[in-house]
Amino acid sequence: HSPPLQLPSASRREDKPEVTLPPQKRDRHAHAYTRQLMETESRMSREAWVRATDASDLVHGEVMSLRTTV
């Protein structure tokens, strides 16, 4: 009588042995990820600033236009 069949794992992580990186390499990965997050946040902040400035300039122009027509 043979043992029951094992179903394949639903999770790929369970199939792979866990690898422990040396602390220096872990730190390098963490630093690269943090740097990427900071660069993304910086870019998004600049883009938001430009949109806000453009909107402010547009409203200012409309207000000035209304003042000259009244």
Protein backbone atom coordinates (compact mmCIF):
# COMPACT_ATOMS: atom_id res chain seq x y z
CA HIS A 1 0.00 0.00 0.00
CA SER A 2 1.56 3.33 -1.10
CA PRO A 3 1.60 6.61 0.88
CA PRO A 4 -1.04 9.26 0.02
CA LEU A 5 -0.16 11.64 -2.80
CA GLN A 6 1.02 15.09 -1.77
CA LEU A 7 -0.67 17.98 -3.56
CA PRO A 8 1.68 20.66 -4.91
CA SER A 9 2.03 23.66 -2.67
CA ALA A 10 -0.27 26.59 -3.46
CA SER A 11 2.42 28.99 -2.32
CA ARG A 12 5.68 29.27 -4.21
CA ARG A 13 7.39 30.54 -1.03
CA GLU A 14 6.82 27.20 0.65
CA ASP A 15 8.62 25.48 -2.22
CA LYS A 16 11.82 27.47 -1.79
CA PRO A 17 14.15 27.15 1.17
CA GLU A 18 14.58 30.36 3.14
CA VAL A 19 17.88 32.08 2.40
CA THR A 20 19.52 34.16 5.08
CA LEU A 21 21.59 36.99 3.66
CA PRO A 22 24.63 38.33 5.47
CA PRO A 23 23.81 41.54 7.42
CA GLN A 24 25.84 43.77 5.07
CA LYS A 25 23.95 42.52 2.02
CA ARG A 26 20.58 42.84 3.83
CA ASP A 27 21.49 46.42 4.74
CA ARG A 28 22.39 47.17 1.12
CA HIS A 29 19.02 45.87 -0.08
CA ALA A 30 17.18 47.84 2.62
CA HIS A 31 19.14 51.00 1.76
CA ALA A 32 18.39 50.63 -1.96
CA TYR A 33 14.69 50.15 -1.22
CA THR A 34 14.62 53.17 1.12
CA ARG A 35 16.44 55.29 -1.48
CA GLN A 36 13.92 54.25 -4.14
CA LEU A 37 11.02 55.19 -1.85
CA MET A 38 12.57 58.58 -1.07
CA GLU A 39 13.22 59.33 -4.75
CA THR A 40 9.65 58.38 -5.66
CA GLU A 41 8.24 60.53 -2.86
CA SER A 42 10.43 63.45 -3.94
CA ARG A 43 9.31 63.15 -7.58
CA MET A 44 5.65 62.93 -6.61
CA SER A 45 6.00 65.96 -4.32
CA ARG A 46 7.58 68.01 -7.12
CA GLU A 47 4.80 66.99 -9.52
CA ALA A 48 2.12 67.90 -6.97
CA TRP A 49 3.84 71.27 -6.36
CA VAL A 50 3.84 72.02 -10.10
CA ARG A 51 0.14 71.11 -10.42
CA ALA A 52 -0.75 73.27 -7.41
CA THR A 53 1.28 76.20 -8.74
CA ASP A 54 -0.32 75.87 -12.19
CA ALA A 55 -3.80 75.79 -10.64
CA SER A 56 -2.99 78.83 -8.51
CA ASP A 57 -1.67 80.74 -11.54
CA LEU A 58 -4.80 79.82 -13.50
CA VAL A 59 -7.12 81.03 -10.73
CA HIS A 60 -5.08 84.22 -10.32
CA GLY A 61 -5.36 84.89 -14.06
CA GLU A 62 -9.13 84.34 -13.97
CA VAL A 63 -9.52 86.68 -10.98
CA MET A 64 -7.47 89.38 -12.70
CA SER A 65 -9.57 88.92 -15.85
CA LEU A 66 -12.78 89.34 -13.85
CA ARG A 67 -11.43 92.48 -12.18
CA THR A 68 -10.76 94.13 -15.54
CA THR A 69 -14.24 93.32 -16.88
CA VAL A 70 -16.14 94.66 -13.85
